[in-house]
Amino acid sequence: MAERNGSGARGVGVRGPSADRPLVTGPSLGPVPYHWVAAIVVCVGTFLGVMDNTITNIALPTLKDEFDRSLDDVIWVALSFIVVSTGLSLTMGRLGDLYGRKKLYAWGFVVFT
């Protein structure tokens, strides 16, 4: 059924305010939106990855002293971490394309922590 609006034109499905629908609603106090939870999880995961690399770099002098090696030998610990991370980025990117990035990130987060 068509109703006339104020301009004289016919509108389809134009309704005025009713008693069962409020005109103004306040802010919802419902659950936290999903995108904020996802952003927090990604930030924590990034922080843990950076912290893991930093811990490796800070431990290099101690590893040098404990294993009685030169600093050149011990630097390979940090380099191996970077090489493995880079190699896994390509592999995990492909697996993310195949199985879903969200699912793969969640599993990686669980395994890492």
PDB file of N, CA and C in Angstrom:
ATOM      1  N   MET A   1       0.844  -1.159   0.000  1.00  0.00           N
ATOM      2  CA  MET A   1       0.000   0.000   0.000  1.00  0.00           C
ATOM      3  C   MET A   1       0.896   1.231   0.000  1.00  0.00           C
ATOM      4  N   ALA A   2       0.581   2.210  -0.801  1.00  0.00           N
ATOM      5  CA  ALA A   2       1.366   3.438  -0.884  1.00  0.00           C
ATOM      6  C   ALA A   2       0.718   4.512  -0.033  1.00  0.00           C
ATOM      7  N   GLU A   3       1.552   5.289   0.636  1.00  0.00           N
ATOM      8  CA  GLU A   3       1.066   6.394   1.456  1.00  0.00           C
ATOM      9  C   GLU A   3       1.642   7.683   0.907  1.00  0.00           C
ATOM     10  N   ARG A   4       0.955   8.758   1.178  1.00  0.00           N
ATOM     11  CA  ARG A   4       1.466  10.057   0.748  1.00  0.00           C
ATOM     12  C   ARG A   4       2.362  10.622   1.848  1.00  0.00           C
ATOM     13  N   ASN A   5       3.536  11.137   1.402  1.00  0.00           N
ATOM     14  CA  ASN A   5       4.366  11.832   2.373  1.00  0.00           C
ATOM     15  C   ASN A   5       4.079  13.326   2.278  1.00  0.00           C
ATOM     16  N   GLY A   6       4.801  14.150   3.001  1.00  0.00           N
ATOM     17  CA  GLY A   6       4.520  15.580   3.080  1.00  0.00           C
ATOM     18  C   GLY A   6       4.676  16.317   1.766  1.00  0.00           C
ATOM     19  N   SER A   7       5.434  15.806   0.806  1.00  0.00           N
ATOM     20  CA  SER A   7       5.679  16.513  -0.452  1.00  0.00           C
ATOM     21  C   SER A   7       4.604  16.233  -1.496  1.00  0.00           C
ATOM     22  N   GLY A   8       3.665  15.416  -1.196  1.00  0.00           N
ATOM     23  CA  GLY A   8       2.620  15.099  -2.141  1.00  0.00           C
ATOM     24  C   GLY A   8       2.934  13.900  -3.004  1.00  0.00           C
ATOM     25  N   ALA A   9       4.168  13.403  -2.961  1.00  0.00           N
ATOM     26  CA  ALA A   9       4.541  12.232  -3.752  1.00  0.00           C
ATOM     27  C   ALA A   9       4.143  10.983  -2.996  1.00  0.00           C
ATOM     28  N   ARG A  10       3.960   9.946  -3.760  1.00  0.00           N
ATOM     29  CA  ARG A  10       3.607   8.685  -3.124  1.00  0.00           C
ATOM     30  C   ARG A  10       4.870   7.943  -2.744  1.00  0.00           C
ATOM     31  N   GLY A  11       4.942   7.465  -1.522  1.00  0.00           N
ATOM     32  CA  GLY A  11       6.079   6.681  -1.067  1.00  0.00           C
ATOM     33  C   GLY A  11       5.630   5.272  -0.746  1.00  0.00           C
ATOM     34  N   VAL A  12       6.462   4.338  -1.007  1.00  0.00           N
ATOM     35  CA  VAL A  12       6.137   2.951  -0.730  1.00  0.00           C
ATOM     36  C   VAL A  12       6.724   2.589   0.621  1.00  0.00           C
ATOM     37  N   GLY A  13       5.908   2.146   1.511  1.00  0.00           N
ATOM     38  CA  GLY A  13       6.383   1.694   2.810  1.00  0.00           C
ATOM     39  C   GLY A  13       6.819   2.818   3.732  1.00  0.00           C
ATOM     40  N   VAL A  14       6.378   4.033   3.515  1.00  0.00           N
ATOM     41  CA  VAL A  14       6.741   5.146   4.389  1.00  0.00           C
ATOM     42  C   VAL A  14       5.882   5.056   5.625  1.00  0.00           C
ATOM     43  N   ARG A  15       6.539   5.048   6.781  1.00  0.00           N
ATOM     44  CA  ARG A  15       5.796   4.923   8.031  1.00  0.00           C
ATOM     45  C   ARG A  15       6.158   6.070   8.945  1.00  0.00           C
ATOM     46  N   GLY A  16       5.253   6.463   9.737  1.00  0.00           N
ATOM     47  CA  GLY A  16       5.505   7.485  10.748  1.00  0.00           C
ATOM     48  C   GLY A  16       5.954   6.825  12.039  1.00  0.00           C
ATOM     49  N   PRO A  17       6.250   7.615  13.036  1.00  0.00           N
ATOM     50  CA  PRO A  17       6.665   7.040  14.318  1.00  0.00           C
ATOM     51  C   PRO A  17       5.527   6.254  14.948  1.00  0.00           C
ATOM     52  N   SER A  18       5.857   5.199  15.607  1.00  0.00           N
ATOM     53  CA  SER A  18       4.832   4.401  16.270  1.00  0.00           C
ATOM     54  C   SER A  18       5.194   4.252  17.738  1.00  0.00           C
ATOM     55  N   ALA A  19       4.279   3.801  18.505  1.00  0.00           N
ATOM     56  CA  ALA A  19       4.487   3.671  19.942  1.00  0.00           C
ATOM     57  C   ALA A  19       5.425   2.520  20.281  1.00  0.00           C
ATOM     58  N   ASP A  20       5.524   1.509  19.406  1.00  0.00           N
ATOM     59  CA  ASP A  20       6.377   0.365  19.720  1.00  0.00           C
ATOM     60  C   ASP A  20       7.829   0.565  19.272  1.00  0.00           C
ATOM     61  N   ARG A  21       8.136   1.629  18.529  1.00  0.00           N
ATOM     62  CA  ARG A  21       9.517   1.910  18.106  1.00  0.00           C
ATOM     63  C   ARG A  21       9.929   3.273  18.648  1.00  0.00           C
ATOM     64  N   PRO A  22      10.949   3.323  19.500  1.00  0.00           N
ATOM     65  CA  PRO A  22      11.378   4.632  20.007  1.00  0.00           C
ATOM     66  C   PRO A  22      12.117   5.410  18.918  1.00  0.00           C
ATOM     67  N   LEU A  23      12.002   6.730  18.951  1.00  0.00           N
ATOM     68  CA  LEU A  23      12.672   7.571  17.974  1.00  0.00           C
ATOM     69  C   LEU A  23      14.168   7.684  18.255  1.00  0.00           C
ATOM     70  N   VAL A  24      14.547   7.785  19.515  1.00  0.00           N
ATOM     71  CA  VAL A  24      15.944   7.955  19.897  1.00  0.00           C
ATOM     72  C   VAL A  24      16.327   6.807  20.811  1.00  0.00           C
ATOM     73  N   THR A  25      17.452   6.193  20.520  1.00  0.00           N
ATOM     74  CA  THR A  25      17.930   5.112  21.380  1.00  0.00           C
ATOM     75  C   THR A  25      19.260   5.512  21.988  1.00  0.00           C
ATOM     76  N   GLY A  26      19.527   5.033  23.162  1.00  0.00           N
ATOM     77  CA  GLY A  26      20.787   5.301  23.852  1.00  0.00           C
ATOM     78  C   GLY A  26      21.846   4.296  23.451  1.00  0.00           C
ATOM     79  N   PRO A  27      23.041   4.475  23.992  1.00  0.00           N
ATOM     80  CA  PRO A  27      24.118   3.530  23.669  1.00  0.00           C
ATOM     81  C   PRO A  27      23.824   2.146  24.224  1.00  0.00           C
ATOM     82  N   SER A  28      24.196   1.158  23.458  1.00  0.00           N
ATOM     83  CA  SER A  28      23.972  -0.221  23.871  1.00  0.00           C
ATOM     84  C   SER A  28      25.043  -0.646  24.865  1.00  0.00           C
ATOM     85  N   LEU A  29      24.657  -1.323  25.896  1.00  0.00           N
ATOM     86  CA  LEU A  29      25.599  -1.845  26.881  1.00  0.00           C
ATOM     87  C   LEU A  29      25.792  -3.335  26.688  1.00  0.00           C
ATOM     88  N   GLY A  30      25.644  -3.789  25.461  1.00  0.00           N
ATOM     89  CA  GLY A  30      25.774  -5.203  25.136  1.00  0.00           C
ATOM     90  C   GLY A  30      27.227  -5.650  25.127  1.00  0.00           C
ATOM     91  N   PRO A  31      27.495  -6.777  24.503  1.00  0.00           N
ATOM     92  CA  PRO A  31      28.851  -7.327  24.476  1.00  0.00           C
ATOM     93  C   PRO A  31      29.811  -6.445  23.681  1.00  0.00           C
ATOM     94  N   VAL A  32      31.095  -6.634  23.956  1.00  0.00           N
ATOM     95  CA  VAL A  32      32.144  -5.884  23.260  1.00  0.00           C
ATOM     96  C   VAL A  32      32.129  -6.279  21.786  1.00  0.00           C
ATOM     97  N   PRO A  33      32.218  -5.312  20.884  1.00  0.00           N
ATOM     98  CA  PRO A  33      32.237  -5.662  19.455  1.00  0.00           C
ATOM     99  C   PRO A  33      33.416  -6.569  19.124  1.00  0.00           C
ATOM    100  N   TYR A  34      33.199  -7.461  18.183  1.00  0.00           N
ATOM    101  CA  TYR A  34      34.189  -8.474  17.827  1.00  0.00           C
ATOM    102  C   TYR A  34      35.484  -7.865  17.318  1.00  0.00           C
ATOM    103  N   HIS A  35      35.402  -6.775  16.565  1.00  0.00           N
ATOM    104  CA  HIS A  35      36.620  -6.209  15.981  1.00  0.00           C
ATOM    105  C   HIS A  35      37.579  -5.694  17.043  1.00  0.00           C
ATOM    106  N   TRP A  36      37.082  -5.251  18.194  1.00  0.00           N
ATOM    107  CA  TRP A  36      37.981  -4.815  19.273  1.00  0.00           C
ATOM    108  C   TRP A  36      38.684  -6.002  19.899  1.00  0.00           C
ATOM    109  N   VAL A  37      37.982  -7.084  20.076  1.00  0.00           N
ATOM    110  CA  VAL A  37      38.604  -8.294  20.629  1.00  0.00           C
ATOM    111  C   VAL A  37      39.674  -8.805  19.674  1.00  0.00           C
ATOM    112  N   ALA A  38      39.374  -8.824  18.393  1.00  0.00           N
ATOM    113  CA  ALA A  38      40.355  -9.279  17.399  1.00  0.00           C
ATOM    114  C   ALA A  38      41.572  -8.366  17.379  1.00  0.00           C
ATOM    115  N   ALA A  39      41.371  -7.063  17.480  1.00  0.00           N
ATOM    116  CA  ALA A  39      42.498  -6.123  17.484  1.00  0.00           C
ATOM    117  C   ALA A  39      43.381  -6.332  18.703  1.00  0.00           C
ATOM    118  N   ILE A  40      42.789  -6.582  19.854  1.00  0.00           N
ATOM    119  CA  ILE A  40      43.568  -6.818  21.072  1.00  0.00           C
ATOM    120  C   ILE A  40      44.369  -8.105  20.950  1.00  0.00           C
ATOM    121  N   VAL A  41      43.768  -9.153  20.417  1.00  0.00           N
ATOM    122  CA  VAL A  41      44.483 -10.427  20.249  1.00  0.00           C
ATOM    123  C   VAL A  41      45.657 -10.264  19.282  1.00  0.00           C
ATOM    124  N   VAL A  42      45.461  -9.541  18.191  1.00  0.00           N
ATOM    125  CA  VAL A  42      46.548  -9.317  17.233  1.00  0.00           C
ATOM    126  C   VAL A  42      47.662  -8.488  17.870  1.00  0.00           C
ATOM    127  N   CYS A  43      47.306  -7.480  18.653  1.00  0.00           N
ATOM    128  CA  CYS A  43      48.326  -6.665  19.333  1.00  0.00           C
ATOM    129  C   CYS A  43      49.125  -7.492  20.330  1.00  0.00           C
ATOM    130  N   VAL A  44      48.466  -8.344  21.089  1.00  0.00           N
ATOM    131  CA  VAL A  44      49.179  -9.203  22.040  1.00  0.00           C
ATOM    132  C   VAL A  44      50.092 -10.170  21.294  1.00  0.00           C
ATOM    133  N   GLY A  45      49.629 -10.745  20.207  1.00  0.00           N
ATOM    134  CA  GLY A  45      50.460 -11.650  19.413  1.00  0.00           C
ATOM    135  C   GLY A  45      51.676 -10.956  18.838  1.00  0.00           C
ATOM    136  N   THR A  46      51.505  -9.733  18.347  1.00  0.00           N
ATOM    137  CA  THR A  46      52.636  -8.967  17.821  1.00  0.00           C
ATOM    138  C   THR A  46      53.621  -8.635  18.925  1.00  0.00           C
ATOM    139  N   PHE A  47      53.109  -8.243  20.085  1.00  0.00           N
ATOM    140  CA  PHE A  47      53.979  -7.939  21.223  1.00  0.00           C
ATOM    141  C   PHE A  47      54.794  -9.158  21.632  1.00  0.00           C
ATOM    142  N   LEU A  48      54.161 -10.317  21.686  1.00  0.00           N
ATOM    143  CA  LEU A  48      54.887 -11.532  22.070  1.00  0.00           C
ATOM    144  C   LEU A  48      55.958 -11.899  21.046  1.00  0.00           C
ATOM    145  N   GLY A  49      55.682 -11.710  19.772  1.00  0.00           N
ATOM    146  CA  GLY A  49      56.681 -11.992  18.742  1.00  0.00           C
ATOM    147  C   GLY A  49      57.884 -11.075  18.849  1.00  0.00           C
ATOM    148  N   VAL A  50      57.639  -9.787  19.052  1.00  0.00           N
ATOM    149  CA  VAL A  50      58.737  -8.827  19.206  1.00  0.00           C
ATOM    150  C   VAL A  50      59.515  -9.114  20.484  1.00  0.00           C
ATOM    151  N   MET A  51      58.802  -9.430  21.561  1.00  0.00           N
ATOM    152  CA  MET A  51      59.465  -9.732  22.828  1.00  0.00           C
ATOM    153  C   MET A  51      60.332 -10.983  22.706  1.00  0.00           C
ATOM    154  N   ASP A  52      59.871 -11.966  21.984  1.00  0.00           N
ATOM    155  CA  ASP A  52      60.645 -13.191  21.803  1.00  0.00           C
ATOM    156  C   ASP A  52      61.958 -12.907  21.075  1.00  0.00           C
ATOM    157  N   ASN A  53      61.901 -12.084  20.046  1.00  0.00           N
ATOM    158  CA  ASN A  53      63.113 -11.711  19.312  1.00  0.00           C
ATOM    159  C   ASN A  53      64.044 -10.876  20.189  1.00  0.00           C
ATOM    160  N   THR A  54      63.492  -9.984  20.994  1.00  0.00           N
ATOM    161  CA  THR A  54      64.300  -9.154  21.885  1.00  0.00           C
ATOM    162  C   THR A  54      64.991 -10.003  22.942  1.00  0.00           C
ATOM    163  N   ILE A  55      64.293 -10.975  23.490  1.00  0.00           N
ATOM    164  CA  ILE A  55      64.892 -11.856  24.498  1.00  0.00           C
ATOM    165  C   ILE A  55      66.067 -12.616  23.901  1.00  0.00           C
ATOM    166  N   THR A  56      65.921 -13.051  22.664  1.00  0.00           N
ATOM    167  CA  THR A  56      67.020 -13.755  21.997  1.00  0.00           C
ATOM    168  C   THR A  56      68.239 -12.847  21.867  1.00  0.00           C
ATOM    169  N   ASN A  57      68.030 -11.599  21.473  1.00  0.00           N
ATOM    170  CA  ASN A  57      69.150 -10.669  21.315  1.00  0.00           C
ATOM    171  C   ASN A  57      69.792 -10.304  22.648  1.00  0.00           C
ATOM    172  N   ILE A  58      69.004 -10.164  23.685  1.00  0.00           N
ATOM    173  CA  ILE A  58      69.550  -9.831  25.002  1.00  0.00           C
ATOM    174  C   ILE A  58      70.347 -11.000  25.565  1.00  0.00           C
ATOM    175  N   ALA A  59      69.960 -12.210  25.242  1.00  0.00           N
ATOM    176  CA  ALA A  59      70.637 -13.395  25.785  1.00  0.00           C
ATOM    177  C   ALA A  59      71.953 -13.717  25.086  1.00  0.00           C
ATOM    178  N   LEU A  60      72.279 -13.062  23.990  1.00  0.00           N
ATOM    179  CA  LEU A  60      73.493 -13.398  23.237  1.00  0.00           C
ATOM    180  C   LEU A  60      74.778 -13.293  24.064  1.00  0.00           C
ATOM    181  N   PRO A  61      75.025 -12.226  24.827  1.00  0.00           N
ATOM    182  CA  PRO A  61      76.260 -12.193  25.626  1.00  0.00           C
ATOM    183  C   PRO A  61      76.331 -13.310  26.673  1.00  0.00           C
ATOM    184  N   THR A  62      75.210 -13.639  27.273  1.00  0.00           N
ATOM    185  CA  THR A  62      75.188 -14.726  28.255  1.00  0.00           C
ATOM    186  C   THR A  62      75.470 -16.061  27.581  1.00  0.00           C
ATOM    187  N   LEU A  63      74.880 -16.290  26.420  1.00  0.00           N
ATOM    188  CA  LEU A  63      75.150 -17.524  25.679  1.00  0.00           C
ATOM    189  C   LEU A  63      76.624 -17.617  25.292  1.00  0.00           C
ATOM    190  N   LYS A  64      77.207 -16.499  24.920  1.00  0.00           N
ATOM    191  CA  LYS A  64      78.630 -16.459  24.553  1.00  0.00           C
ATOM    192  C   LYS A  64      79.499 -16.880  25.735  1.00  0.00           C
ATOM    193  N   ASP A  65      79.191 -16.354  26.914  1.00  0.00           N
ATOM    194  CA  ASP A  65      79.981 -16.681  28.105  1.00  0.00           C
ATOM    195  C   ASP A  65      79.744 -18.113  28.567  1.00  0.00           C
ATOM    196  N   GLU A  66      78.492 -18.545  28.570  1.00  0.00           N
ATOM    197  CA  GLU A  66      78.157 -19.877  29.082  1.00  0.00           C
ATOM    198  C   GLU A  66      78.719 -20.994  28.212  1.00  0.00           C
ATOM    199  N   PHE A  67      78.679 -20.811  26.910  1.00  0.00           N
ATOM    200  CA  PHE A  67      79.141 -21.862  26.004  1.00  0.00           C
ATOM    201  C   PHE A  67      80.576 -21.647  25.523  1.00  0.00           C
ATOM    202  N   ASP A  68      81.213 -20.609  26.035  1.00  0.00           N
ATOM    203  CA  ASP A  68      82.608 -20.306  25.715  1.00  0.00           C
ATOM    204  C   ASP A  68      82.819 -20.248  24.199  1.00  0.00           C
ATOM    205  N   ARG A  69      82.004 -19.439  23.550  1.00  0.00           N
ATOM    206  CA  ARG A  69      82.058 -19.268  22.094  1.00  0.00           C
ATOM    207  C   ARG A  69      82.299 -17.797  21.770  1.00  0.00           C
ATOM    208  N   SER A  70      82.692 -17.541  20.528  1.00  0.00           N
ATOM    209  CA  SER A  70      82.844 -16.149  20.093  1.00  0.00           C
ATOM    210  C   SER A  70      81.462 -15.565  19.796  1.00  0.00           C
ATOM    211  N   LEU A  71      81.410 -14.240  19.777  1.00  0.00           N
ATOM    212  CA  LEU A  71      80.133 -13.584  19.497  1.00  0.00           C
ATOM    213  C   LEU A  71      79.655 -13.891  18.076  1.00  0.00           C
ATOM    214  N   ASP A  72      80.589 -14.089  17.156  1.00  0.00           N
ATOM    215  CA  ASP A  72      80.212 -14.454  15.782  1.00  0.00           C
ATOM    216  C   ASP A  72      79.479 -15.792  15.730  1.00  0.00           C
ATOM    217  N   ASP A  73      79.906 -16.737  16.565  1.00  0.00           N
ATOM    218  CA  ASP A  73      79.228 -18.039  16.604  1.00  0.00           C
ATOM    219  C   ASP A  73      77.830 -17.921  17.204  1.00  0.00           C
ATOM    220  N   VAL A  74      77.715 -17.119  18.240  1.00  0.00           N
ATOM    221  CA  VAL A  74      76.434 -17.019  18.962  1.00  0.00           C
ATOM    222  C   VAL A  74      75.411 -16.202  18.171  1.00  0.00           C
ATOM    223  N   ILE A  75      75.868 -15.311  17.320  1.00  0.00           N
ATOM    224  CA  ILE A  75      74.947 -14.505  16.514  1.00  0.00           C
ATOM    225  C   ILE A  75      74.086 -15.396  15.632  1.00  0.00           C
ATOM    226  N   TRP A  76      74.569 -16.583  15.299  1.00  0.00           N
ATOM    227  CA  TRP A  76      73.789 -17.506  14.472  1.00  0.00           C
ATOM    228  C   TRP A  76      72.488 -17.919  15.156  1.00  0.00           C
ATOM    229  N   VAL A  77      72.429 -17.817  16.478  1.00  0.00           N
ATOM    230  CA  VAL A  77      71.169 -18.106  17.185  1.00  0.00           C
ATOM    231  C   VAL A  77      70.101 -17.112  16.734  1.00  0.00           C
ATOM    232  N   ALA A  78      70.438 -15.832  16.746  1.00  0.00           N
ATOM    233  CA  ALA A  78      69.477 -14.810  16.324  1.00  0.00           C
ATOM    234  C   ALA A  78      69.179 -14.923  14.831  1.00  0.00           C
ATOM    235  N   LEU A  79      70.210 -15.183  14.037  1.00  0.00           N
ATOM    236  CA  LEU A  79      69.995 -15.316  12.596  1.00  0.00           C
ATOM    237  C   LEU A  79      69.112 -16.513  12.259  1.00  0.00           C
ATOM    238  N   SER A  80      69.299 -17.614  12.959  1.00  0.00           N
ATOM    239  CA  SER A  80      68.458 -18.786  12.690  1.00  0.00           C
ATOM    240  C   SER A  80      67.002 -18.499  13.026  1.00  0.00           C
ATOM    241  N   PHE A  81      66.768 -17.736  14.089  1.00  0.00           N
ATOM    242  CA  PHE A  81      65.403 -17.352  14.453  1.00  0.00           C
ATOM    243  C   PHE A  81      64.772 -16.530  13.328  1.00  0.00           C
ATOM    244  N   ILE A  82      65.525 -15.585  12.775  1.00  0.00           N
ATOM    245  CA  ILE A  82      65.007 -14.734  11.699  1.00  0.00           C
ATOM    246  C   ILE A  82      64.778 -15.541  10.422  1.00  0.00           C
ATOM    247  N   VAL A  83      65.710 -16.434  10.089  1.00  0.00           N
ATOM    248  CA  VAL A  83      65.575 -17.240   8.867  1.00  0.00           C
ATOM    249  C   VAL A  83      64.357 -18.161   8.956  1.00  0.00           C
ATOM    250  N   VAL A  84      64.177 -18.800  10.099  1.00  0.00           N
ATOM    251  CA  VAL A  84      63.026 -19.698  10.273  1.00  0.00           C
ATOM    252  C   VAL A  84      61.720 -18.906  10.234  1.00  0.00           C
ATOM    253  N   SER A  85      61.680 -17.753  10.888  1.00  0.00           N
ATOM    254  CA  SER A  85      60.467 -16.926  10.870  1.00  0.00           C
ATOM    255  C   SER A  85      60.116 -16.484   9.455  1.00  0.00           C
ATOM    256  N   THR A  86      61.124 -16.091   8.690  1.00  0.00           N
ATOM    257  CA  THR A  86      60.882 -15.662   7.314  1.00  0.00           C
ATOM    258  C   THR A  86      60.392 -16.820   6.448  1.00  0.00           C
ATOM    259  N   GLY A  87      61.019 -17.971   6.590  1.00  0.00           N
ATOM    260  CA  GLY A  87      60.592 -19.141   5.819  1.00  0.00           C
ATOM    261  C   GLY A  87      59.186 -19.589   6.168  1.00  0.00           C
ATOM    262  N   LEU A  88      58.850 -19.539   7.447  1.00  0.00           N
ATOM    263  CA  LEU A  88      57.506 -19.942   7.857  1.00  0.00           C
ATOM    264  C   LEU A  88      56.444 -18.929   7.441  1.00  0.00           C
ATOM    265  N   SER A  89      56.823 -17.678   7.258  1.00  0.00           N
ATOM    266  CA  SER A  89      55.849 -16.673   6.812  1.00  0.00           C
ATOM    267  C   SER A  89      55.260 -17.049   5.457  1.00  0.00           C
ATOM    268  N   LEU A  90      56.097 -17.499   4.554  1.00  0.00           N
ATOM    269  CA  LEU A  90      55.606 -17.912   3.233  1.00  0.00           C
ATOM    270  C   LEU A  90      54.709 -19.142   3.331  1.00  0.00           C
ATOM    271  N   THR A  91      55.148 -20.118   4.104  1.00  0.00           N
ATOM    272  CA  THR A  91      54.372 -21.352   4.256  1.00  0.00           C
ATOM    273  C   THR A  91      53.041 -21.086   4.947  1.00  0.00           C
ATOM    274  N   MET A  92      53.080 -20.328   6.034  1.00  0.00           N
ATOM    275  CA  MET A  92      51.853 -20.049   6.775  1.00  0.00           C
ATOM    276  C   MET A  92      50.900 -19.151   5.982  1.00  0.00           C
ATOM    277  N   GLY A  93      51.448 -18.282   5.145  1.00  0.00           N
ATOM    278  CA  GLY A  93      50.588 -17.473   4.276  1.00  0.00           C
ATOM    279  C   GLY A  93      49.783 -18.343   3.325  1.00  0.00           C
ATOM    280  N   ARG A  94      50.439 -19.340   2.760  1.00  0.00           N
ATOM    281  CA  ARG A  94      49.738 -20.261   1.853  1.00  0.00           C
ATOM    282  C   ARG A  94      48.708 -21.093   2.616  1.00  0.00           C
ATOM    283  N   LEU A  95      49.088 -21.595   3.792  1.00  0.00           N
ATOM    284  CA  LEU A  95      48.127 -22.362   4.593  1.00  0.00           C
ATOM    285  C   LEU A  95      46.948 -21.491   5.018  1.00  0.00           C
ATOM    286  N   GLY A  96      47.209 -20.215   5.291  1.00  0.00           N
ATOM    287  CA  GLY A  96      46.123 -19.293   5.621  1.00  0.00           C
ATOM    288  C   GLY A  96      45.165 -19.111   4.458  1.00  0.00           C
ATOM    289  N   ASP A  97      45.711 -19.072   3.243  1.00  0.00           N
ATOM    290  CA  ASP A  97      44.849 -18.986   2.061  1.00  0.00           C
ATOM    291  C   ASP A  97      43.993 -20.238   1.906  1.00  0.00           C
ATOM    292  N   LEU A  98      44.560 -21.393   2.231  1.00  0.00           N
ATOM    293  CA  LEU A  98      43.839 -22.653   2.054  1.00  0.00           C
ATOM    294  C   LEU A  98      42.817 -22.914   3.159  1.00  0.00           C
ATOM    295  N   TYR A  99      43.185 -22.690   4.408  1.00  0.00           N
ATOM    296  CA  TYR A  99      42.343 -23.091   5.539  1.00  0.00           C
ATOM    297  C   TYR A  99      41.687 -21.934   6.280  1.00  0.00           C
ATOM    298  N   GLY A 100      42.028 -20.721   5.941  1.00  0.00           N
ATOM    299  CA  GLY A 100      41.435 -19.569   6.611  1.00  0.00           C
ATOM    300  C   GLY A 100      42.436 -18.910   7.553  1.00  0.00           C
ATOM    301  N   ARG A 101      42.593 -17.624   7.396  1.00  0.00           N
ATOM    302  CA  ARG A 101      43.590 -16.903   8.188  1.00  0.00           C
ATOM    303  C   ARG A 101      43.223 -16.843   9.662  1.00  0.00           C
ATOM    304  N   LYS A 102      41.948 -16.675   9.943  1.00  0.00           N
ATOM    305  CA  LYS A 102      41.509 -16.553  11.334  1.00  0.00           C
ATOM    306  C   LYS A 102      41.784 -17.841  12.106  1.00  0.00           C
ATOM    307  N   LYS A 103      41.432 -18.960  11.511  1.00  0.00           N
ATOM    308  CA  LYS A 103      41.649 -20.250  12.165  1.00  0.00           C
ATOM    309  C   LYS A 103      43.145 -20.522  12.351  1.00  0.00           C
ATOM    310  N   LEU A 104      43.938 -20.238  11.323  1.00  0.00           N
ATOM    311  CA  LEU A 104      45.380 -20.473  11.396  1.00  0.00           C
ATOM    312  C   LEU A 104      46.041 -19.556  12.424  1.00  0.00           C
ATOM    313  N   TYR A 105      45.608 -18.301  12.492  1.00  0.00           N
ATOM    314  CA  TYR A 105      46.169 -17.375  13.483  1.00  0.00           C
ATOM    315  C   TYR A 105      45.837 -17.842  14.893  1.00  0.00           C
ATOM    316  N   ALA A 106      44.619 -18.297  15.094  1.00  0.00           N
ATOM    317  CA  ALA A 106      44.226 -18.778  16.425  1.00  0.00           C
ATOM    318  C   ALA A 106      45.065 -19.985  16.833  1.00  0.00           C
ATOM    319  N   TRP A 107      45.268 -20.934  15.921  1.00  0.00           N
ATOM    320  CA  TRP A 107      46.098 -22.105  16.238  1.00  0.00           C
ATOM    321  C   TRP A 107      47.546 -21.702  16.490  1.00  0.00           C
ATOM    322  N   GLY A 108      48.066 -20.795  15.687  1.00  0.00           N
ATOM    323  CA  GLY A 108      49.436 -20.323  15.896  1.00  0.00           C
ATOM    324  C   GLY A 108      49.594 -19.619  17.224  1.00  0.00           C
ATOM    325  N   PHE A 109      48.595 -18.848  17.607  1.00  0.00           N
ATOM    326  CA  PHE A 109      48.623 -18.152  18.896  1.00  0.00           C
ATOM    327  C   PHE A 109      48.625 -19.149  20.044  1.00  0.00           C
ATOM    328  N   VAL A 110      47.810 -20.189  19.939  1.00  0.00           N
ATOM    329  CA  VAL A 110      47.753 -21.221  20.987  1.00  0.00           C
ATOM    330  C   VAL A 110      49.075 -21.970  21.074  1.00  0.00           C
ATOM    331  N   VAL A 111      49.640 -22.351  19.931  1.00  0.00           N
ATOM    332  CA  VAL A 111      50.905 -23.093  19.929  1.00  0.00           C
ATOM    333  C   VAL A 111      52.037 -22.224  20.452  1.00  0.00           C
ATOM    334  N   PHE A 112      52.066 -20.950  20.078  1.00  0.00           N
ATOM    335  CA  PHE A 112      53.144 -20.055  20.489  1.00  0.00           C
ATOM    336  C   PHE A 112      53.124 -19.805  21.985  1.00  0.00           C
ATOM    337  N   THR A 113      51.936 -19.642  22.556  1.00  0.00           N
ATOM    338  CA  THR A 113      51.866 -19.350  23.985  1.00  0.00           C
ATOM    339  C   THR A 113      51.814 -20.636  24.764  1.00  0.00           C
TER     340      THR A 113
END
